[in-house]
N, C-alpha and C. Protein backbone atom coordinates (compact mmCIF):
# COMPACT_ATOMS: atom_id res chain seq x y z
N MET A 1 0.84 -1.18 0.04
CA MET A 1 -0.02 0.03 0.02
C MET A 1 0.85 1.20 0.03
N HIS A 2 1.93 1.24 0.81
CA HIS A 2 2.79 2.43 0.91
C HIS A 2 3.40 2.79 -0.36
N SER A 3 3.88 1.77 -1.19
CA SER A 3 4.58 2.03 -2.37
C SER A 3 3.48 2.65 -3.37
N LEU A 4 2.28 2.11 -3.35
CA LEU A 4 1.26 2.61 -4.25
C LEU A 4 0.91 4.07 -3.87
N GLN A 5 0.91 4.35 -2.65
CA GLN A 5 0.58 5.75 -2.18
C GLN A 5 1.68 6.72 -2.63
N GLN A 6 2.94 6.28 -2.64
CA GLN A 6 4.08 7.14 -3.03
C GLN A 6 4.03 7.56 -4.47
N GLY A 7 3.52 6.67 -5.33
CA GLY A 7 3.43 6.95 -6.74
C GLY A 7 2.23 7.60 -7.24
N ALA A 8 1.31 7.90 -6.32
CA ALA A 8 -0.04 8.37 -6.73
C ALA A 8 -0.05 9.92 -6.40
N HIS A 9 -1.03 10.53 -7.06
CA HIS A 9 -1.34 11.92 -6.74
C HIS A 9 -1.83 11.94 -5.31
N LYS A 10 -1.67 13.03 -4.61
CA LYS A 10 -2.03 13.09 -3.14
C LYS A 10 -3.46 12.70 -2.83
N VAL A 11 -4.43 13.23 -3.65
CA VAL A 11 -5.79 12.87 -3.38
C VAL A 11 -5.99 11.36 -3.66
N GLN A 12 -5.39 10.83 -4.73
CA GLN A 12 -5.62 9.38 -5.02
C GLN A 12 -4.83 8.59 -4.01
N ALA A 13 -3.72 9.08 -3.50
CA ALA A 13 -2.98 8.34 -2.41
C ALA A 13 -3.87 8.24 -1.21
N ASN A 14 -4.63 9.27 -0.81
CA ASN A 14 -5.46 9.22 0.39
C ASN A 14 -6.60 8.28 0.14
N ALA A 15 -7.06 8.15 -1.13
CA ALA A 15 -8.20 7.29 -1.40
C ALA A 15 -7.82 5.82 -1.25
N LEU A 16 -6.55 5.44 -1.36
CA LEU A 16 -6.25 4.03 -1.20
C LEU A 16 -6.59 3.47 0.19
N PRO A 17 -6.14 4.10 1.26
CA PRO A 17 -6.47 3.51 2.62
C PRO A 17 -8.07 3.56 2.79
N VAL A 18 -8.71 4.60 2.26
CA VAL A 18 -10.18 4.73 2.45
C VAL A 18 -10.79 3.45 1.70
N ARG A 19 -10.35 3.12 0.57
CA ARG A 19 -10.90 1.98 -0.18
C ARG A 19 -10.73 0.71 0.70
N LEU A 20 -9.58 0.58 1.27
CA LEU A 20 -9.26 -0.65 2.06
C LEU A 20 -10.19 -0.69 3.34
N GLU A 21 -10.42 0.46 3.88
CA GLU A 21 -11.31 0.48 5.08
C GLU A 21 -12.79 0.25 4.67
N LEU A 22 -13.21 0.78 3.50
CA LEU A 22 -14.54 0.44 3.06
C LEU A 22 -14.77 -1.00 2.68
N GLN A 23 -13.59 -1.60 2.19
CA GLN A 23 -13.67 -3.08 1.90
C GLN A 23 -13.86 -3.85 3.19
N ALA A 24 -13.18 -3.38 4.23
CA ALA A 24 -13.26 -4.04 5.56
C ALA A 24 -14.71 -3.98 6.06
N ASP A 25 -15.38 -2.77 5.81
CA ASP A 25 -16.73 -2.65 6.21
C ASP A 25 -17.65 -3.50 5.50
N CYS A 26 -17.39 -3.81 4.21
CA CYS A 26 -18.12 -4.72 3.31
C CYS A 26 -17.91 -6.13 3.87
N LEU A 27 -16.68 -6.46 4.14
CA LEU A 27 -16.37 -7.81 4.62
C LEU A 27 -17.07 -8.09 6.05
N ALA A 28 -17.18 -7.01 6.86
CA ALA A 28 -17.97 -7.16 8.09
C ALA A 28 -19.40 -7.50 7.83
N GLY A 29 -19.98 -6.90 6.76
CA GLY A 29 -21.26 -7.21 6.36
C GLY A 29 -21.40 -8.65 5.91
N ILE A 30 -20.47 -9.09 5.15
CA ILE A 30 -20.44 -10.55 4.72
C ILE A 30 -20.38 -11.37 5.89
N TRP A 31 -19.52 -11.20 6.86
CA TRP A 31 -19.39 -11.92 8.03
C TRP A 31 -20.75 -12.07 8.80
N ALA A 32 -21.42 -10.90 8.98
CA ALA A 32 -22.76 -10.88 9.63
C ALA A 32 -23.75 -11.77 8.87
N TYR A 33 -23.82 -11.63 7.49
CA TYR A 33 -24.72 -12.38 6.66
C TYR A 33 -24.54 -13.83 6.93
N HIS A 34 -23.24 -14.39 6.92
CA HIS A 34 -23.02 -15.81 7.02
C HIS A 34 -23.14 -16.25 8.48
N ALA A 35 -22.80 -15.38 9.47
CA ALA A 35 -22.95 -15.70 10.86
C ALA A 35 -24.47 -15.97 11.11
N ASP A 36 -25.30 -15.12 10.51
CA ASP A 36 -26.72 -15.31 10.84
C ASP A 36 -27.24 -16.47 10.18
N ARG A 37 -26.80 -16.82 8.98
CA ARG A 37 -27.44 -17.90 8.16
C ARG A 37 -26.84 -19.23 8.72
N SER A 38 -25.60 -19.32 9.01
CA SER A 38 -25.06 -20.67 9.38
C SER A 38 -25.06 -20.97 10.80
N ARG A 39 -24.90 -19.85 11.74
CA ARG A 39 -24.94 -20.11 13.14
C ARG A 39 -26.00 -19.47 13.89
N LYS A 40 -26.80 -18.70 13.24
CA LYS A 40 -27.87 -18.05 13.95
C LYS A 40 -27.42 -17.23 15.22
N ILE A 41 -26.24 -16.51 15.06
CA ILE A 41 -25.74 -15.79 16.18
C ILE A 41 -25.99 -14.27 16.12
N VAL A 42 -26.57 -13.87 15.05
CA VAL A 42 -26.87 -12.41 14.86
C VAL A 42 -28.28 -12.25 15.49
N GLU A 43 -28.38 -11.36 16.47
CA GLU A 43 -29.65 -11.17 17.20
C GLU A 43 -30.39 -9.97 16.58
N ALA A 44 -31.65 -9.89 17.00
CA ALA A 44 -32.43 -8.72 16.62
C ALA A 44 -31.72 -7.42 16.99
N GLY A 45 -31.59 -6.56 16.13
CA GLY A 45 -30.95 -5.24 16.43
C GLY A 45 -29.50 -5.19 16.18
N ASP A 46 -28.86 -6.38 15.99
CA ASP A 46 -27.36 -6.30 15.78
C ASP A 46 -27.00 -5.62 14.50
N ILE A 47 -27.75 -5.81 13.38
CA ILE A 47 -27.31 -5.17 12.19
C ILE A 47 -27.68 -3.66 12.31
N GLU A 48 -28.68 -3.32 12.85
CA GLU A 48 -29.00 -1.82 13.08
C GLU A 48 -27.94 -1.15 13.98
N ALA A 49 -27.45 -1.89 14.94
CA ALA A 49 -26.39 -1.36 15.90
C ALA A 49 -25.12 -1.20 15.02
N ALA A 50 -24.82 -2.19 14.15
CA ALA A 50 -23.61 -2.12 13.28
C ALA A 50 -23.67 -0.93 12.38
N LEU A 51 -24.89 -0.71 11.80
CA LEU A 51 -25.09 0.46 10.95
C LEU A 51 -24.95 1.81 11.63
N ARG A 52 -25.51 1.86 12.90
CA ARG A 52 -25.32 3.06 13.73
C ARG A 52 -23.88 3.32 14.02
N ALA A 53 -23.11 2.16 14.31
CA ALA A 53 -21.69 2.38 14.61
C ALA A 53 -20.87 2.84 13.36
N ALA A 54 -21.17 2.20 12.25
CA ALA A 54 -20.43 2.59 11.02
C ALA A 54 -20.82 4.12 10.70
N SER A 55 -21.93 4.57 10.87
CA SER A 55 -22.32 5.91 10.61
C SER A 55 -21.62 6.84 11.66
N SER A 56 -21.49 6.47 12.82
CA SER A 56 -20.91 7.32 13.92
C SER A 56 -19.40 7.51 13.78
N ILE A 57 -18.73 6.56 13.06
CA ILE A 57 -17.27 6.66 12.93
C ILE A 57 -16.83 7.00 11.57
N GLY A 58 -17.66 7.61 10.76
CA GLY A 58 -17.32 8.09 9.47
C GLY A 58 -16.37 9.27 9.70
N ASP A 59 -15.42 9.48 8.72
CA ASP A 59 -14.51 10.58 8.84
C ASP A 59 -15.26 11.95 8.93
N ASP A 60 -16.25 12.11 7.98
CA ASP A 60 -17.00 13.36 8.09
C ASP A 60 -17.62 13.69 9.41
N ARG A 61 -18.20 12.74 9.98
CA ARG A 61 -18.77 13.01 11.32
C ARG A 61 -17.72 13.33 12.42
N ILE A 62 -16.69 12.55 12.36
CA ILE A 62 -15.62 12.85 13.35
C ILE A 62 -15.01 14.20 13.16
N GLN A 63 -14.73 14.50 11.92
CA GLN A 63 -14.07 15.82 11.69
C GLN A 63 -15.11 16.92 12.00
N LYS A 64 -16.35 16.76 11.68
CA LYS A 64 -17.32 17.83 12.01
C LYS A 64 -17.35 18.06 13.45
N GLN A 65 -17.33 16.95 14.32
CA GLN A 65 -17.41 17.07 15.72
C GLN A 65 -16.12 17.62 16.36
N SER A 66 -15.01 17.31 15.76
CA SER A 66 -13.72 17.61 16.41
C SER A 66 -13.18 19.02 15.94
N GLN A 67 -13.40 19.39 14.68
CA GLN A 67 -12.81 20.62 14.21
C GLN A 67 -13.97 21.59 13.63
N GLY A 68 -15.25 21.11 13.47
CA GLY A 68 -16.25 21.95 13.10
C GLY A 68 -16.48 22.02 11.56
N TYR A 69 -15.62 21.31 10.85
CA TYR A 69 -15.75 21.32 9.36
C TYR A 69 -15.17 20.11 8.79
N VAL A 70 -15.54 19.71 7.58
CA VAL A 70 -15.11 18.47 6.91
C VAL A 70 -14.16 18.66 5.80
N VAL A 71 -13.11 17.90 5.77
CA VAL A 71 -12.15 17.96 4.67
C VAL A 71 -12.02 16.54 4.06
N PRO A 72 -12.87 16.31 3.03
CA PRO A 72 -12.98 14.99 2.41
C PRO A 72 -11.56 14.44 1.92
N GLU A 73 -10.74 15.30 1.46
CA GLU A 73 -9.36 14.92 0.99
C GLU A 73 -8.51 14.26 1.98
N SER A 74 -8.86 14.55 3.26
CA SER A 74 -8.01 14.01 4.32
C SER A 74 -8.69 12.72 4.96
N PHE A 75 -9.73 12.21 4.43
CA PHE A 75 -10.36 10.99 5.00
C PHE A 75 -9.35 9.88 4.91
N THR A 76 -9.51 9.03 6.03
CA THR A 76 -8.71 7.80 6.10
C THR A 76 -9.60 6.62 6.19
N HIS A 77 -10.87 6.67 6.54
CA HIS A 77 -11.73 5.62 6.61
C HIS A 77 -13.04 5.64 5.84
N GLY A 78 -13.32 6.78 5.20
CA GLY A 78 -14.59 6.99 4.43
C GLY A 78 -15.58 7.77 5.28
N SER A 79 -16.50 8.33 4.55
CA SER A 79 -17.63 9.06 5.13
C SER A 79 -18.59 8.07 6.00
N SER A 80 -19.53 8.62 6.68
CA SER A 80 -20.45 7.84 7.42
C SER A 80 -21.34 7.16 6.43
N GLY A 81 -21.75 7.79 5.35
CA GLY A 81 -22.61 7.22 4.39
C GLY A 81 -21.96 6.07 3.63
N GLN A 82 -20.63 6.31 3.31
CA GLN A 82 -19.90 5.30 2.57
C GLN A 82 -19.76 4.02 3.40
N ARG A 83 -19.51 4.22 4.65
CA ARG A 83 -19.23 3.12 5.56
C ARG A 83 -20.59 2.27 5.80
N VAL A 84 -21.65 2.95 5.82
CA VAL A 84 -22.92 2.26 5.94
C VAL A 84 -23.27 1.51 4.63
N ARG A 85 -23.12 2.23 3.45
CA ARG A 85 -23.41 1.65 2.22
C ARG A 85 -22.58 0.35 1.95
N TRP A 86 -21.31 0.47 2.30
CA TRP A 86 -20.48 -0.76 2.11
C TRP A 86 -20.73 -1.87 3.01
N PHE A 87 -21.04 -1.66 4.23
CA PHE A 87 -21.46 -2.71 5.08
C PHE A 87 -22.73 -3.35 4.58
N LYS A 88 -23.77 -2.59 4.24
CA LYS A 88 -24.97 -3.05 3.64
C LYS A 88 -24.79 -3.94 2.37
N ARG A 89 -23.79 -3.39 1.60
CA ARG A 89 -23.48 -4.04 0.35
C ARG A 89 -23.11 -5.55 0.63
N GLY A 90 -22.15 -5.67 1.61
CA GLY A 90 -21.63 -7.04 1.96
C GLY A 90 -22.82 -7.86 2.60
N ASN A 91 -23.58 -7.24 3.41
CA ASN A 91 -24.57 -7.91 4.17
C ASN A 91 -25.74 -8.35 3.30
N LYS A 92 -25.96 -7.67 2.17
CA LYS A 92 -27.11 -8.00 1.39
C LYS A 92 -27.08 -9.34 0.73
N THR A 93 -25.87 -9.80 0.17
CA THR A 93 -25.81 -11.08 -0.48
C THR A 93 -24.85 -12.00 0.17
N GLY A 94 -23.88 -11.45 1.00
CA GLY A 94 -22.78 -12.39 1.55
C GLY A 94 -21.80 -12.77 0.54
N ALA A 95 -21.80 -12.10 -0.63
CA ALA A 95 -20.83 -12.42 -1.70
C ALA A 95 -19.63 -11.59 -1.69
N PHE A 96 -18.36 -12.14 -1.70
CA PHE A 96 -17.13 -11.46 -1.66
C PHE A 96 -17.04 -10.53 -2.85
N ALA A 97 -17.56 -10.90 -3.95
CA ALA A 97 -17.41 -10.05 -5.11
C ALA A 97 -18.06 -8.71 -4.99
N GLN A 98 -18.95 -8.56 -4.00
CA GLN A 98 -19.62 -7.26 -3.72
C GLN A 98 -18.69 -6.26 -3.08
N CYS A 99 -17.51 -6.82 -2.59
CA CYS A 99 -16.68 -5.95 -1.87
C CYS A 99 -15.45 -5.40 -2.67
N ASP A 100 -15.54 -5.46 -3.97
CA ASP A 100 -14.45 -5.00 -4.83
C ASP A 100 -14.50 -3.49 -4.95
N CYS A 101 -13.94 -2.84 -3.98
CA CYS A 101 -13.92 -1.34 -4.03
C CYS A 101 -12.47 -0.85 -4.44
N CYS A 102 -11.56 -1.75 -4.57
CA CYS A 102 -10.20 -1.41 -4.98
C CYS A 102 -9.75 -1.48 -6.41
N SER A 103 -10.46 -2.34 -7.17
CA SER A 103 -9.92 -2.56 -8.61
C SER A 103 -10.39 -1.46 -9.48
N GLY A 104 -11.42 -0.66 -9.17
CA GLY A 104 -11.89 0.30 -10.09
C GLY A 104 -12.85 -0.16 -11.07
N LYS A 105 -13.23 -1.41 -10.98
CA LYS A 105 -14.13 -1.99 -11.93
C LYS A 105 -15.55 -2.06 -11.53
N GLY A 106 -15.83 -2.11 -10.26
CA GLY A 106 -17.27 -2.31 -9.84
C GLY A 106 -18.14 -1.06 -9.86
N GLU A 107 -19.42 -1.18 -9.58
CA GLU A 107 -20.30 -0.12 -9.48
C GLU A 107 -19.75 0.98 -8.49
N LYS A 108 -19.67 2.16 -9.00
CA LYS A 108 -19.18 3.30 -8.25
C LYS A 108 -17.77 3.04 -7.72
N GLY A 109 -17.01 2.27 -8.39
CA GLY A 109 -15.69 1.88 -7.85
C GLY A 109 -14.48 2.53 -8.62
N ARG A 110 -14.80 3.22 -9.64
CA ARG A 110 -13.75 3.82 -10.50
C ARG A 110 -13.08 5.08 -9.79
N ILE A 111 -11.81 5.12 -10.03
CA ILE A 111 -11.13 6.35 -9.56
C ILE A 111 -11.26 7.39 -10.63
N GLY A 112 -11.76 8.51 -10.32
CA GLY A 112 -11.91 9.64 -11.27
C GLY A 112 -11.33 10.88 -10.73
N ALA A 113 -11.85 12.04 -11.21
CA ALA A 113 -11.35 13.26 -10.70
C ALA A 113 -11.53 13.51 -9.12
N ASP A 114 -12.62 12.88 -8.62
CA ASP A 114 -12.90 12.82 -7.25
C ASP A 114 -13.02 11.44 -6.78
N PRO A 115 -11.92 10.73 -6.33
CA PRO A 115 -11.96 9.44 -5.87
C PRO A 115 -12.85 9.20 -4.72
N PHE A 116 -13.05 10.15 -3.84
CA PHE A 116 -13.88 10.03 -2.74
C PHE A 116 -15.33 9.94 -3.06
N LYS A 117 -15.80 10.60 -4.09
CA LYS A 117 -17.06 10.59 -4.61
C LYS A 117 -17.29 9.16 -5.19
N ALA A 118 -16.28 8.71 -5.92
CA ALA A 118 -16.45 7.39 -6.65
C ALA A 118 -16.60 6.23 -5.66
N LEU A 119 -16.24 6.43 -4.41
CA LEU A 119 -16.37 5.36 -3.38
C LEU A 119 -17.83 5.25 -2.92
N GLY A 120 -18.70 6.24 -3.14
CA GLY A 120 -20.05 6.27 -2.62
C GLY A 120 -20.67 5.04 -2.72
């Protein structure tokens, strides 16, 4: 990751760790999907609690609370909305292919002029 960041434009370099974090959110959704279906260990309210947690730890929310304004170019984990969407994406089908936010091939996964918007 570090070598990729060094060769990228600053905004794109910041997008790389965000993509990795959003993929982790998606994988958490996949885990919950399979944990519920195979072991029945997901209880009522667990998914809603996970979505609230994802929303509360988005970079936009943390920055707004700590400094009063949001700087998307400095995000390291993604916005609240992105984190919720990627968790839901993994949890919807439980399919690993739904978590491809790094290749630039999937829905809303392309790096463009605004890589943070593309992650939505």
